[in-house]
N, C-alpha and C. Protein backbone atom coordinates (compact mmCIF):
# COMPACT_ATOMS: atom_id res chain seq x y z
N MET A 1 18.34 -25.89 -17.24
CA MET A 1 17.92 -24.44 -17.49
C MET A 1 16.65 -24.19 -16.67
N LEU A 2 16.56 -23.05 -16.10
CA LEU A 2 15.38 -22.69 -15.28
C LEU A 2 14.17 -22.42 -16.22
N GLN A 3 13.04 -22.87 -15.70
CA GLN A 3 11.80 -22.67 -16.46
C GLN A 3 10.83 -21.83 -15.58
N ARG A 4 10.11 -20.92 -16.25
CA ARG A 4 9.13 -20.14 -15.54
C ARG A 4 7.87 -20.92 -15.32
N ARG A 5 7.41 -20.99 -14.06
CA ARG A 5 6.13 -21.62 -13.75
C ARG A 5 5.26 -20.66 -12.96
N THR A 6 4.04 -20.50 -13.32
CA THR A 6 3.17 -19.56 -12.62
C THR A 6 2.05 -20.33 -11.90
N GLU A 7 1.87 -21.61 -12.10
CA GLU A 7 0.82 -22.34 -11.38
C GLU A 7 1.28 -22.60 -9.92
N ASN A 8 0.29 -22.91 -9.09
CA ASN A 8 0.65 -23.11 -7.69
C ASN A 8 -0.07 -24.38 -7.21
N PRO A 9 0.34 -25.58 -7.70
CA PRO A 9 -0.30 -26.82 -7.33
C PRO A 9 0.04 -27.19 -5.88
N GLY A 10 -0.85 -27.93 -5.27
CA GLY A 10 -0.63 -28.25 -3.86
C GLY A 10 0.14 -29.49 -3.59
N GLY A 11 0.39 -30.33 -4.56
CA GLY A 11 1.16 -31.58 -4.27
C GLY A 11 1.03 -32.48 -5.47
N ALA A 12 1.66 -33.66 -5.35
CA ALA A 12 1.64 -34.63 -6.45
C ALA A 12 1.41 -36.01 -5.82
N ALA A 13 0.42 -36.70 -6.30
CA ALA A 13 0.16 -38.04 -5.86
C ALA A 13 0.42 -39.14 -6.84
N ASP A 14 0.49 -38.73 -8.16
CA ASP A 14 0.70 -39.71 -9.19
C ASP A 14 2.07 -40.40 -9.00
N PRO A 15 2.12 -41.74 -9.16
CA PRO A 15 3.38 -42.45 -8.98
C PRO A 15 4.54 -41.91 -9.89
N LEU A 16 4.20 -41.65 -11.16
CA LEU A 16 5.23 -41.17 -12.07
C LEU A 16 5.73 -39.78 -11.61
N GLU A 17 4.79 -38.96 -11.19
CA GLU A 17 5.20 -37.66 -10.65
C GLU A 17 6.07 -37.84 -9.38
N ARG A 18 5.71 -38.75 -8.53
CA ARG A 18 6.49 -39.01 -7.38
C ARG A 18 7.93 -39.42 -7.74
N ALA A 19 8.02 -40.30 -8.75
CA ALA A 19 9.36 -40.75 -9.15
C ALA A 19 10.20 -39.57 -9.69
N ALA A 20 9.53 -38.70 -10.43
CA ALA A 20 10.28 -37.53 -10.95
C ALA A 20 10.74 -36.66 -9.83
N LEU A 21 9.88 -36.44 -8.83
CA LEU A 21 10.27 -35.62 -7.68
C LEU A 21 11.47 -36.24 -6.97
N ARG A 22 11.41 -37.60 -6.78
CA ARG A 22 12.50 -38.25 -6.09
C ARG A 22 13.80 -38.08 -6.83
N ASP A 23 13.73 -38.14 -8.15
CA ASP A 23 14.90 -37.98 -8.97
C ASP A 23 15.49 -36.54 -8.81
N ILE A 24 14.64 -35.56 -8.78
CA ILE A 24 15.04 -34.15 -8.55
C ILE A 24 15.78 -34.01 -7.25
N THR A 25 15.14 -34.58 -6.19
CA THR A 25 15.72 -34.50 -4.84
C THR A 25 17.04 -35.22 -4.75
N ALA A 26 17.08 -36.38 -5.35
CA ALA A 26 18.35 -37.18 -5.28
C ALA A 26 19.45 -36.47 -5.93
N SER A 27 19.19 -35.75 -7.00
CA SER A 27 20.31 -34.97 -7.67
C SER A 27 20.81 -33.84 -6.76
N THR A 28 19.84 -33.15 -6.12
CA THR A 28 20.21 -32.08 -5.23
C THR A 28 20.97 -32.57 -4.04
N ILE A 29 20.51 -33.62 -3.41
CA ILE A 29 21.17 -34.18 -2.26
C ILE A 29 22.52 -34.71 -2.65
N GLY A 30 22.63 -35.36 -3.81
CA GLY A 30 23.89 -35.89 -4.28
C GLY A 30 24.96 -34.81 -4.42
N HIS A 31 24.51 -33.61 -4.91
CA HIS A 31 25.47 -32.56 -5.01
C HIS A 31 26.06 -32.18 -3.68
N TYR A 32 25.22 -32.07 -2.69
CA TYR A 32 25.67 -31.67 -1.34
C TYR A 32 26.53 -32.76 -0.74
N GLU A 33 26.18 -34.04 -0.99
CA GLU A 33 27.03 -35.11 -0.48
C GLU A 33 28.47 -35.00 -1.01
N ARG A 34 28.58 -34.67 -2.29
CA ARG A 34 29.94 -34.64 -2.96
C ARG A 34 30.68 -33.36 -2.60
N HIS A 35 29.99 -32.34 -2.18
CA HIS A 35 30.64 -31.05 -1.96
C HIS A 35 30.49 -30.56 -0.57
N ALA A 36 30.27 -31.52 0.39
CA ALA A 36 29.95 -31.08 1.76
C ALA A 36 31.08 -30.31 2.40
N ALA A 37 32.31 -30.73 2.22
CA ALA A 37 33.47 -30.02 2.85
C ALA A 37 33.59 -28.60 2.30
N ALA A 38 33.45 -28.47 0.99
CA ALA A 38 33.55 -27.14 0.40
C ALA A 38 32.43 -26.25 0.83
N TYR A 39 31.22 -26.83 0.92
CA TYR A 39 30.05 -26.08 1.34
C TYR A 39 30.25 -25.52 2.77
N TRP A 40 30.80 -26.37 3.64
CA TRP A 40 31.04 -25.92 5.01
C TRP A 40 32.06 -24.81 5.03
N GLN A 41 33.12 -24.89 4.30
CA GLN A 41 34.10 -23.85 4.28
C GLN A 41 33.56 -22.57 3.76
N GLY A 42 32.63 -22.64 2.81
CA GLY A 42 32.06 -21.41 2.23
C GLY A 42 31.00 -20.79 3.03
N THR A 43 30.40 -21.51 4.02
CA THR A 43 29.24 -20.94 4.73
C THR A 43 29.43 -20.90 6.24
N CYS A 44 30.46 -21.43 6.78
CA CYS A 44 30.56 -21.57 8.22
C CYS A 44 30.62 -20.19 8.88
N GLU A 45 31.08 -19.14 8.19
CA GLU A 45 31.20 -17.82 8.79
C GLU A 45 30.00 -16.90 8.42
N HIS A 46 29.02 -17.41 7.73
CA HIS A 46 27.88 -16.59 7.34
C HIS A 46 27.12 -16.12 8.61
N ASP A 47 26.72 -14.88 8.57
CA ASP A 47 26.04 -14.34 9.75
C ASP A 47 24.55 -14.36 9.46
N VAL A 48 23.79 -15.25 10.12
CA VAL A 48 22.35 -15.29 9.98
C VAL A 48 21.67 -14.97 11.32
N SER A 49 22.37 -14.15 12.14
CA SER A 49 21.81 -13.80 13.44
C SER A 49 20.46 -13.09 13.25
N GLN A 50 20.31 -12.29 12.22
CA GLN A 50 19.04 -11.60 11.98
C GLN A 50 17.86 -12.63 11.82
N ASN A 51 18.20 -13.69 11.13
CA ASN A 51 17.16 -14.74 10.88
C ASN A 51 16.86 -15.50 12.17
N ILE A 52 17.84 -15.84 12.90
CA ILE A 52 17.68 -16.59 14.14
C ILE A 52 16.79 -15.74 15.13
N ALA A 53 17.11 -14.48 15.18
CA ALA A 53 16.37 -13.55 16.08
C ALA A 53 14.95 -13.44 15.58
N ALA A 54 14.76 -13.41 14.28
CA ALA A 54 13.37 -13.22 13.74
C ALA A 54 12.52 -14.40 14.20
N LEU A 55 13.03 -15.61 14.17
CA LEU A 55 12.30 -16.79 14.57
C LEU A 55 12.01 -16.75 16.09
N LEU A 56 13.10 -16.57 16.87
CA LEU A 56 12.97 -16.62 18.31
C LEU A 56 12.08 -15.56 18.87
N ASP A 57 12.12 -14.34 18.26
CA ASP A 57 11.33 -13.25 18.77
C ASP A 57 9.83 -13.44 18.55
N ALA A 58 9.50 -14.30 17.57
CA ALA A 58 8.08 -14.53 17.24
C ALA A 58 7.43 -15.66 18.06
N ILE A 59 8.24 -16.48 18.69
CA ILE A 59 7.71 -17.66 19.40
C ILE A 59 7.06 -17.20 20.73
N ASP A 60 5.85 -17.67 21.01
CA ASP A 60 5.16 -17.41 22.25
C ASP A 60 5.77 -18.26 23.37
N GLY A 61 5.58 -17.83 24.58
CA GLY A 61 5.96 -18.58 25.71
C GLY A 61 7.38 -18.26 26.24
N GLU A 62 7.79 -19.07 27.16
CA GLU A 62 9.11 -18.89 27.81
C GLU A 62 10.12 -19.93 27.29
N PRO A 63 11.28 -19.51 26.98
CA PRO A 63 12.34 -20.44 26.57
C PRO A 63 12.76 -21.34 27.72
N PRO A 64 13.43 -22.47 27.38
CA PRO A 64 13.98 -22.81 26.09
C PRO A 64 12.90 -23.34 25.17
N PHE A 65 13.18 -23.14 23.84
CA PHE A 65 12.25 -23.58 22.81
C PHE A 65 12.79 -24.85 22.10
N ARG A 66 11.89 -25.66 21.63
CA ARG A 66 12.24 -26.83 20.78
C ARG A 66 12.22 -26.22 19.32
N ILE A 67 13.40 -26.37 18.67
CA ILE A 67 13.54 -25.83 17.30
C ILE A 67 13.95 -26.90 16.35
N LEU A 68 13.23 -27.03 15.21
CA LEU A 68 13.63 -27.90 14.14
C LEU A 68 14.41 -27.08 13.09
N ASP A 69 15.69 -27.39 12.86
CA ASP A 69 16.43 -26.76 11.84
C ASP A 69 16.40 -27.61 10.60
N LEU A 70 15.52 -27.20 9.67
CA LEU A 70 15.31 -27.91 8.47
C LEU A 70 16.41 -27.61 7.43
N GLY A 71 17.04 -28.64 6.91
CA GLY A 71 18.17 -28.44 6.01
C GLY A 71 19.32 -27.90 6.79
N CYS A 72 19.66 -28.49 7.92
CA CYS A 72 20.64 -27.93 8.88
C CYS A 72 22.08 -27.97 8.32
N GLY A 73 22.31 -28.67 7.23
CA GLY A 73 23.71 -28.69 6.72
C GLY A 73 24.69 -29.18 7.75
N PRO A 74 25.88 -28.62 7.77
CA PRO A 74 26.92 -29.10 8.70
C PRO A 74 26.68 -28.71 10.13
N GLY A 75 25.64 -27.92 10.48
CA GLY A 75 25.31 -27.74 11.89
C GLY A 75 25.63 -26.35 12.45
N ARG A 76 25.94 -25.39 11.60
CA ARG A 76 26.32 -24.04 12.07
C ARG A 76 25.23 -23.43 12.99
N ASP A 77 24.00 -23.46 12.48
CA ASP A 77 22.89 -22.84 13.22
C ASP A 77 22.38 -23.67 14.39
N LEU A 78 22.47 -25.00 14.21
CA LEU A 78 22.15 -25.86 15.30
C LEU A 78 22.99 -25.51 16.53
N LYS A 79 24.28 -25.34 16.32
CA LYS A 79 25.17 -25.04 17.41
C LYS A 79 24.77 -23.68 18.04
N ARG A 80 24.47 -22.70 17.26
CA ARG A 80 24.05 -21.40 17.76
C ARG A 80 22.81 -21.47 18.62
N PHE A 81 21.81 -22.23 18.10
CA PHE A 81 20.57 -22.36 18.89
C PHE A 81 20.88 -23.03 20.26
N ARG A 82 21.74 -24.07 20.26
CA ARG A 82 22.14 -24.70 21.47
C ARG A 82 22.85 -23.75 22.44
N GLU A 83 23.76 -22.97 21.90
CA GLU A 83 24.44 -21.95 22.73
C GLU A 83 23.51 -20.97 23.36
N LEU A 84 22.43 -20.64 22.66
CA LEU A 84 21.43 -19.71 23.21
C LEU A 84 20.49 -20.40 24.26
N GLY A 85 20.68 -21.65 24.48
CA GLY A 85 19.93 -22.31 25.54
C GLY A 85 18.68 -23.06 25.05
N HIS A 86 18.51 -23.22 23.77
CA HIS A 86 17.32 -23.87 23.29
C HIS A 86 17.62 -25.36 22.96
N VAL A 87 16.64 -26.07 22.51
CA VAL A 87 16.71 -27.51 22.32
C VAL A 87 16.52 -27.74 20.81
N PRO A 88 17.56 -27.64 19.98
CA PRO A 88 17.42 -27.83 18.54
C PRO A 88 17.56 -29.25 18.10
N VAL A 89 16.86 -29.58 17.04
CA VAL A 89 17.02 -30.86 16.33
C VAL A 89 17.21 -30.53 14.91
N GLY A 90 18.20 -31.13 14.25
CA GLY A 90 18.46 -30.90 12.83
C GLY A 90 17.86 -32.01 11.98
N VAL A 91 17.54 -31.65 10.72
CA VAL A 91 17.17 -32.67 9.73
C VAL A 91 17.78 -32.28 8.44
N ASP A 92 18.36 -33.22 7.72
CA ASP A 92 18.96 -32.99 6.39
C ASP A 92 18.88 -34.27 5.60
N GLY A 93 18.82 -34.10 4.24
CA GLY A 93 18.78 -35.20 3.34
C GLY A 93 20.10 -35.79 3.01
N ALA A 94 21.17 -35.03 3.26
CA ALA A 94 22.53 -35.50 2.90
C ALA A 94 23.18 -36.18 4.10
N ALA A 95 23.52 -37.42 3.95
CA ALA A 95 24.10 -38.20 5.09
C ALA A 95 25.41 -37.57 5.60
N GLU A 96 26.19 -36.98 4.68
CA GLU A 96 27.42 -36.39 5.07
C GLU A 96 27.18 -35.20 5.97
N PHE A 97 26.21 -34.39 5.60
CA PHE A 97 25.84 -33.26 6.47
C PHE A 97 25.33 -33.75 7.86
N VAL A 98 24.56 -34.80 7.87
CA VAL A 98 24.02 -35.31 9.13
C VAL A 98 25.19 -35.67 10.07
N CYS A 99 26.23 -36.37 9.55
CA CYS A 99 27.41 -36.71 10.37
C CYS A 99 28.16 -35.46 10.83
N MET A 100 28.34 -34.50 9.91
CA MET A 100 29.06 -33.31 10.25
C MET A 100 28.35 -32.53 11.33
N ALA A 101 27.04 -32.39 11.15
CA ALA A 101 26.19 -31.57 12.08
C ALA A 101 26.15 -32.22 13.44
N ARG A 102 26.09 -33.50 13.55
CA ARG A 102 26.14 -34.17 14.88
C ARG A 102 27.47 -33.91 15.57
N ALA A 103 28.54 -34.02 14.84
CA ALA A 103 29.82 -33.86 15.41
C ALA A 103 30.09 -32.38 15.82
N TYR A 104 29.65 -31.46 14.98
CA TYR A 104 29.96 -30.06 15.22
C TYR A 104 29.04 -29.45 16.28
N SER A 105 27.78 -29.81 16.28
CA SER A 105 26.83 -29.14 17.20
C SER A 105 26.54 -29.89 18.47
N GLY A 106 26.77 -31.20 18.43
CA GLY A 106 26.44 -32.01 19.60
C GLY A 106 24.90 -32.25 19.73
N CYS A 107 24.14 -31.92 18.68
CA CYS A 107 22.72 -32.02 18.73
C CYS A 107 22.21 -33.27 18.04
N GLU A 108 20.98 -33.59 18.29
CA GLU A 108 20.33 -34.70 17.57
C GLU A 108 20.09 -34.20 16.16
N VAL A 109 20.38 -35.11 15.19
CA VAL A 109 20.17 -34.78 13.77
C VAL A 109 19.55 -35.96 13.11
N TRP A 110 18.46 -35.74 12.36
CA TRP A 110 17.76 -36.82 11.65
C TRP A 110 18.08 -36.77 10.19
N HIS A 111 18.28 -37.97 9.59
CA HIS A 111 18.54 -38.10 8.16
C HIS A 111 17.20 -38.37 7.43
N GLN A 112 16.66 -37.27 6.85
CA GLN A 112 15.36 -37.35 6.21
C GLN A 112 15.34 -36.51 4.93
N ASP A 113 14.77 -37.06 3.84
CA ASP A 113 14.47 -36.31 2.63
C ASP A 113 13.27 -35.38 2.91
N PHE A 114 13.39 -34.17 2.40
CA PHE A 114 12.30 -33.22 2.60
C PHE A 114 10.96 -33.73 2.03
N LEU A 115 11.00 -34.60 1.03
CA LEU A 115 9.77 -35.07 0.40
C LEU A 115 9.25 -36.30 1.16
N ALA A 116 9.91 -36.73 2.18
CA ALA A 116 9.45 -37.88 2.97
C ALA A 116 9.74 -37.64 4.45
N LEU A 117 9.28 -36.43 4.93
CA LEU A 117 9.52 -36.10 6.33
C LEU A 117 8.65 -36.93 7.26
N ASP A 118 9.32 -37.36 8.34
CA ASP A 118 8.63 -38.18 9.39
C ASP A 118 8.92 -37.46 10.71
N LEU A 119 8.06 -36.51 11.02
CA LEU A 119 8.30 -35.61 12.17
C LEU A 119 7.22 -35.85 13.23
N PRO A 120 7.58 -35.66 14.52
CA PRO A 120 6.60 -35.77 15.58
C PRO A 120 5.51 -34.68 15.46
N ALA A 121 4.33 -34.99 15.80
CA ALA A 121 3.25 -34.06 15.68
C ALA A 121 3.23 -33.07 16.84
N ALA A 122 2.98 -31.81 16.53
CA ALA A 122 2.80 -30.76 17.54
C ALA A 122 3.87 -30.75 18.57
N HIS A 123 5.10 -30.86 18.07
CA HIS A 123 6.26 -31.02 18.95
C HIS A 123 7.15 -29.76 19.11
N PHE A 124 7.29 -29.07 18.03
CA PHE A 124 8.25 -27.95 17.99
C PHE A 124 7.61 -26.58 18.18
N ASP A 125 8.35 -25.74 18.84
CA ASP A 125 7.91 -24.33 18.96
C ASP A 125 8.19 -23.51 17.70
N GLY A 126 9.25 -23.88 16.99
CA GLY A 126 9.61 -23.16 15.77
C GLY A 126 10.33 -24.07 14.82
N VAL A 127 10.21 -23.73 13.55
CA VAL A 127 10.92 -24.41 12.46
C VAL A 127 11.79 -23.33 11.77
N PHE A 128 13.06 -23.61 11.65
CA PHE A 128 14.02 -22.72 11.01
C PHE A 128 14.42 -23.33 9.73
N ALA A 129 13.91 -22.73 8.63
CA ALA A 129 14.20 -23.23 7.28
C ALA A 129 14.99 -22.15 6.51
N ASN A 130 16.27 -22.14 6.83
CA ASN A 130 17.15 -21.10 6.29
C ASN A 130 17.83 -21.63 5.02
N ALA A 131 17.51 -21.05 3.85
CA ALA A 131 18.08 -21.46 2.62
C ALA A 131 17.90 -22.92 2.33
N ALA A 132 16.66 -23.42 2.54
CA ALA A 132 16.41 -24.82 2.40
C ALA A 132 15.17 -25.09 1.48
N LEU A 133 14.03 -24.44 1.74
CA LEU A 133 12.84 -24.76 1.03
C LEU A 133 12.86 -24.47 -0.48
N PHE A 134 13.77 -23.63 -0.91
CA PHE A 134 13.78 -23.32 -2.37
C PHE A 134 14.23 -24.49 -3.13
N HIS A 135 14.80 -25.50 -2.55
CA HIS A 135 15.17 -26.72 -3.24
C HIS A 135 14.00 -27.68 -3.42
N VAL A 136 12.88 -27.39 -2.84
CA VAL A 136 11.65 -28.22 -3.02
C VAL A 136 10.94 -27.80 -4.27
N PRO A 137 10.70 -28.72 -5.21
CA PRO A 137 9.90 -28.39 -6.38
C PRO A 137 8.55 -27.81 -5.98
N ARG A 138 8.12 -26.76 -6.69
CA ARG A 138 6.95 -26.05 -6.25
C ARG A 138 5.71 -26.90 -6.22
N ARG A 139 5.60 -27.90 -7.04
CA ARG A 139 4.44 -28.70 -7.06
C ARG A 139 4.39 -29.61 -5.79
N ALA A 140 5.49 -29.67 -5.03
CA ALA A 140 5.49 -30.45 -3.80
C ALA A 140 5.59 -29.59 -2.56
N LEU A 141 5.71 -28.29 -2.75
CA LEU A 141 5.96 -27.36 -1.64
C LEU A 141 4.80 -27.31 -0.63
N GLY A 142 3.57 -27.35 -1.10
CA GLY A 142 2.44 -27.34 -0.20
C GLY A 142 2.41 -28.52 0.75
N GLU A 143 2.77 -29.67 0.23
CA GLU A 143 2.82 -30.88 1.03
C GLU A 143 3.89 -30.80 2.06
N VAL A 144 5.08 -30.28 1.68
CA VAL A 144 6.19 -30.11 2.67
C VAL A 144 5.89 -29.13 3.71
N LEU A 145 5.28 -27.98 3.35
CA LEU A 145 4.85 -26.99 4.35
C LEU A 145 3.80 -27.61 5.27
N GLY A 146 2.92 -28.44 4.75
CA GLY A 146 1.92 -29.07 5.56
C GLY A 146 2.54 -29.99 6.62
N ALA A 147 3.59 -30.73 6.23
CA ALA A 147 4.30 -31.57 7.22
C ALA A 147 4.99 -30.76 8.27
N LEU A 148 5.54 -29.55 7.87
CA LEU A 148 6.18 -28.73 8.91
C LEU A 148 5.14 -28.17 9.84
N ARG A 149 3.98 -27.71 9.24
CA ARG A 149 2.89 -27.18 10.10
C ARG A 149 2.49 -28.25 11.10
N ALA A 150 2.30 -29.44 10.67
CA ALA A 150 1.86 -30.52 11.61
C ALA A 150 2.83 -30.77 12.70
N SER A 151 4.15 -30.50 12.46
CA SER A 151 5.11 -30.75 13.49
C SER A 151 5.20 -29.61 14.52
N LEU A 152 4.51 -28.48 14.25
CA LEU A 152 4.56 -27.37 15.14
C LEU A 152 3.44 -27.43 16.19
N LYS A 153 3.72 -26.94 17.36
CA LYS A 153 2.70 -26.80 18.38
C LYS A 153 1.70 -25.72 17.89
N PRO A 154 0.49 -25.67 18.52
CA PRO A 154 -0.46 -24.58 18.18
C PRO A 154 0.26 -23.26 18.33
N ARG A 155 0.10 -22.40 17.36
CA ARG A 155 0.73 -21.04 17.32
C ARG A 155 2.27 -21.15 17.15
N GLY A 156 2.77 -22.29 16.76
CA GLY A 156 4.17 -22.43 16.48
C GLY A 156 4.56 -21.59 15.26
N VAL A 157 5.85 -21.40 15.06
CA VAL A 157 6.34 -20.38 14.10
C VAL A 157 7.25 -21.01 13.10
N LEU A 158 7.05 -20.63 11.81
CA LEU A 158 7.88 -21.08 10.71
C LEU A 158 8.69 -19.89 10.20
N PHE A 159 9.99 -19.98 10.22
CA PHE A 159 10.88 -19.05 9.59
C PHE A 159 11.40 -19.71 8.30
N ALA A 160 11.38 -18.87 7.21
CA ALA A 160 11.96 -19.36 5.95
C ALA A 160 12.70 -18.21 5.30
N SER A 161 13.85 -18.56 4.72
CA SER A 161 14.58 -17.60 3.87
C SER A 161 15.00 -18.30 2.58
N ASN A 162 14.59 -17.70 1.46
CA ASN A 162 14.81 -18.26 0.16
C ASN A 162 15.26 -17.14 -0.83
N PRO A 163 15.98 -17.52 -1.87
CA PRO A 163 16.35 -16.53 -2.82
C PRO A 163 15.12 -16.07 -3.63
N ARG A 164 14.98 -14.78 -3.81
CA ARG A 164 13.85 -14.21 -4.56
C ARG A 164 14.00 -14.47 -6.02
N GLY A 165 12.88 -14.48 -6.73
CA GLY A 165 12.94 -14.62 -8.17
C GLY A 165 11.63 -14.22 -8.81
N HIS A 166 11.37 -14.75 -10.01
CA HIS A 166 10.15 -14.41 -10.70
C HIS A 166 9.34 -15.69 -11.07
N ASN A 167 9.32 -16.59 -10.06
CA ASN A 167 8.55 -17.83 -10.15
C ASN A 167 9.12 -18.81 -11.15
N GLU A 168 10.41 -18.75 -11.40
CA GLU A 168 11.03 -19.76 -12.29
C GLU A 168 11.59 -20.89 -11.40
N GLU A 169 11.73 -22.07 -11.94
CA GLU A 169 12.33 -23.16 -11.23
C GLU A 169 12.96 -24.12 -12.24
N GLY A 170 13.89 -24.86 -11.70
CA GLY A 170 14.62 -25.85 -12.58
C GLY A 170 15.99 -26.10 -12.03
N PHE A 171 16.72 -26.90 -12.76
CA PHE A 171 18.04 -27.29 -12.38
C PHE A 171 19.06 -26.14 -12.68
N ASN A 172 19.93 -25.88 -11.74
CA ASN A 172 21.08 -25.01 -11.89
C ASN A 172 22.27 -25.94 -11.60
N GLY A 173 22.86 -26.52 -12.64
CA GLY A 173 23.83 -27.59 -12.38
C GLY A 173 23.06 -28.84 -11.90
N GLU A 174 23.48 -29.40 -10.78
CA GLU A 174 22.90 -30.57 -10.17
C GLU A 174 21.76 -30.22 -9.20
N ARG A 175 21.63 -28.99 -8.82
CA ARG A 175 20.68 -28.63 -7.79
C ARG A 175 19.43 -27.97 -8.36
N TRP A 176 18.31 -28.40 -7.84
CA TRP A 176 17.03 -27.83 -8.20
C TRP A 176 16.79 -26.55 -7.39
N GLY A 177 16.25 -25.52 -8.04
CA GLY A 177 15.94 -24.30 -7.26
C GLY A 177 14.60 -23.77 -7.76
N CYS A 178 13.80 -23.26 -6.78
CA CYS A 178 12.53 -22.65 -7.03
C CYS A 178 12.57 -21.21 -6.52
N PHE A 179 12.51 -20.28 -7.38
CA PHE A 179 12.76 -18.84 -7.04
C PHE A 179 11.50 -18.04 -7.16
N MET A 180 10.78 -17.87 -6.02
CA MET A 180 9.45 -17.29 -6.05
C MET A 180 9.50 -15.80 -5.67
N ASP A 181 8.53 -15.06 -6.23
CA ASP A 181 8.42 -13.71 -5.80
C ASP A 181 7.57 -13.63 -4.50
N TYR A 182 7.48 -12.47 -3.87
CA TYR A 182 6.85 -12.41 -2.62
C TYR A 182 5.30 -12.76 -2.62
N PRO A 183 4.53 -12.27 -3.58
CA PRO A 183 3.14 -12.56 -3.56
C PRO A 183 2.89 -14.08 -3.67
N ASN A 184 3.65 -14.78 -4.51
CA ASN A 184 3.39 -16.19 -4.65
C ASN A 184 3.88 -16.98 -3.43
N TRP A 185 5.03 -16.54 -2.86
CA TRP A 185 5.44 -17.21 -1.61
C TRP A 185 4.41 -17.01 -0.51
N GLN A 186 3.96 -15.79 -0.34
CA GLN A 186 2.97 -15.53 0.73
C GLN A 186 1.69 -16.36 0.46
N ALA A 187 1.24 -16.44 -0.74
CA ALA A 187 0.03 -17.23 -1.03
C ALA A 187 0.25 -18.70 -0.71
N THR A 188 1.44 -19.21 -1.02
CA THR A 188 1.72 -20.63 -0.76
C THR A 188 1.77 -20.94 0.73
N VAL A 189 2.41 -20.04 1.52
CA VAL A 189 2.47 -20.25 2.95
C VAL A 189 1.08 -20.10 3.60
N THR A 190 0.32 -19.12 3.14
CA THR A 190 -1.02 -18.96 3.66
C THR A 190 -1.92 -20.17 3.41
N ALA A 191 -1.81 -20.70 2.22
CA ALA A 191 -2.59 -21.88 1.83
C ALA A 191 -2.23 -23.09 2.67
N ALA A 192 -0.95 -23.10 3.18
CA ALA A 192 -0.49 -24.23 3.99
C ALA A 192 -0.89 -24.12 5.44
N GLY A 193 -1.52 -23.01 5.85
CA GLY A 193 -2.02 -22.88 7.21
C GLY A 193 -1.21 -22.02 8.08
N PHE A 194 -0.59 -21.03 7.53
CA PHE A 194 0.18 -20.01 8.30
C PHE A 194 -0.32 -18.60 8.06
N VAL A 195 -0.23 -17.79 9.04
CA VAL A 195 -0.47 -16.37 8.88
C VAL A 195 0.86 -15.64 9.00
N GLU A 196 1.13 -14.75 8.05
CA GLU A 196 2.40 -14.09 8.09
C GLU A 196 2.46 -13.05 9.18
N LEU A 197 3.59 -13.01 9.88
CA LEU A 197 3.87 -12.04 10.91
C LEU A 197 4.74 -10.90 10.38
N ARG A 198 5.70 -11.21 9.53
CA ARG A 198 6.55 -10.23 8.89
C ARG A 198 7.34 -10.85 7.77
N HIS A 199 7.90 -9.97 6.93
CA HIS A 199 8.90 -10.43 5.93
C HIS A 199 9.87 -9.32 5.72
N TYR A 200 11.00 -9.72 5.18
CA TYR A 200 12.09 -8.72 4.93
C TYR A 200 13.03 -9.28 3.90
N SER A 201 13.84 -8.38 3.29
CA SER A 201 14.88 -8.80 2.34
C SER A 201 16.26 -8.77 3.03
N ARG A 202 17.10 -9.63 2.56
CA ARG A 202 18.48 -9.71 3.04
C ARG A 202 19.53 -9.68 1.97
N PRO A 203 20.74 -9.33 2.32
CA PRO A 203 21.30 -8.94 3.63
C PRO A 203 20.82 -7.51 4.02
N PRO A 204 20.77 -7.28 5.32
CA PRO A 204 20.35 -5.92 5.79
C PRO A 204 21.26 -4.81 5.41
N GLY A 205 20.72 -3.62 5.21
CA GLY A 205 21.49 -2.41 5.02
C GLY A 205 21.98 -2.22 3.59
N LEU A 206 21.51 -3.01 2.67
CA LEU A 206 21.90 -2.85 1.25
C LEU A 206 20.70 -2.44 0.45
N PRO A 207 20.97 -1.79 -0.79
CA PRO A 207 19.88 -1.54 -1.69
C PRO A 207 19.10 -2.76 -2.06
N ARG A 208 17.84 -2.63 -2.41
CA ARG A 208 17.00 -3.77 -2.69
C ARG A 208 17.62 -4.67 -3.83
N ALA A 209 18.21 -4.05 -4.77
CA ALA A 209 18.82 -4.84 -5.88
C ALA A 209 19.94 -5.73 -5.42
N GLN A 210 20.49 -5.43 -4.22
CA GLN A 210 21.58 -6.24 -3.69
C GLN A 210 21.12 -7.11 -2.50
N GLN A 211 19.80 -7.28 -2.44
CA GLN A 211 19.24 -8.16 -1.41
C GLN A 211 18.49 -9.32 -2.06
N PRO A 212 19.21 -10.37 -2.39
CA PRO A 212 18.61 -11.46 -3.15
C PRO A 212 17.74 -12.43 -2.30
N TRP A 213 17.81 -12.34 -1.01
CA TRP A 213 17.10 -13.24 -0.14
C TRP A 213 15.77 -12.63 0.43
N LEU A 214 14.72 -13.44 0.39
CA LEU A 214 13.41 -13.11 0.93
C LEU A 214 13.21 -13.96 2.19
N ALA A 215 13.03 -13.30 3.32
CA ALA A 215 12.85 -14.02 4.60
C ALA A 215 11.41 -13.70 5.06
N SER A 216 10.78 -14.71 5.69
CA SER A 216 9.40 -14.57 6.17
C SER A 216 9.21 -15.28 7.44
N VAL A 217 8.32 -14.78 8.27
CA VAL A 217 8.01 -15.45 9.57
C VAL A 217 6.48 -15.62 9.58
N GLY A 218 6.03 -16.87 9.78
CA GLY A 218 4.62 -17.14 9.84
C GLY A 218 4.22 -17.98 11.06
N ARG A 219 2.99 -17.79 11.49
CA ARG A 219 2.51 -18.51 12.63
C ARG A 219 1.50 -19.54 12.22
N ARG A 220 1.59 -20.74 12.79
CA ARG A 220 0.59 -21.76 12.52
C ARG A 220 -0.79 -21.33 13.02
N ILE A 221 -1.77 -21.42 12.11
CA ILE A 221 -3.16 -21.15 12.53
C ILE A 221 -3.92 -22.43 12.49
N GLU A 222 -5.00 -22.50 13.33
CA GLU A 222 -5.80 -23.65 13.36
C GLU A 222 -6.98 -23.53 12.39
N ARG A 223 -7.32 -24.61 11.82
CA ARG A 223 -8.36 -24.59 10.73
C ARG A 223 -9.61 -25.19 11.30
């Protein structure tokens, strides 16, 4: 059952808390491992061109760009970034997705848990986190965003799309979800070292009540 949380902690260092976070993540990853084929069938035709364009349009410099696709799943968007001439790398916590993404996209894909990211510093021009970060418990979100920021070049760009909510989080079946409203999401991203460039609701062209997704684009700032 989802629980409403209004606090905005920056991370968790206590060993017991770490163990609880690992259990949450393991359950979510386990769900995707068991349902990888069905997930691919249900999402392979999804049109996220608006989101891909939002990231690419915000990146400074000349392409090709180095892109990290966080939570790349079976590799749909990795393949699209590669077709556009960029150099994408995927990362996913589900080993089954990692294998699928490598085979489908032909890209490099790393098997990493979001709570234990091991990314090269100042390497990527952009991070594409499409329908991924809402699976991170809110008390660990600042730490994960910090790891993504560190992986970006100066003025690198973070794109994120997550389902909107009223700051509730908890298990929905086997998967953890954190459903933030815009002010809290903006505050969390700002605290992690990004300045927002734009945000919008998805899918496009529908009334707000039929746009469950909140997308945002932020630029890494130096502290």
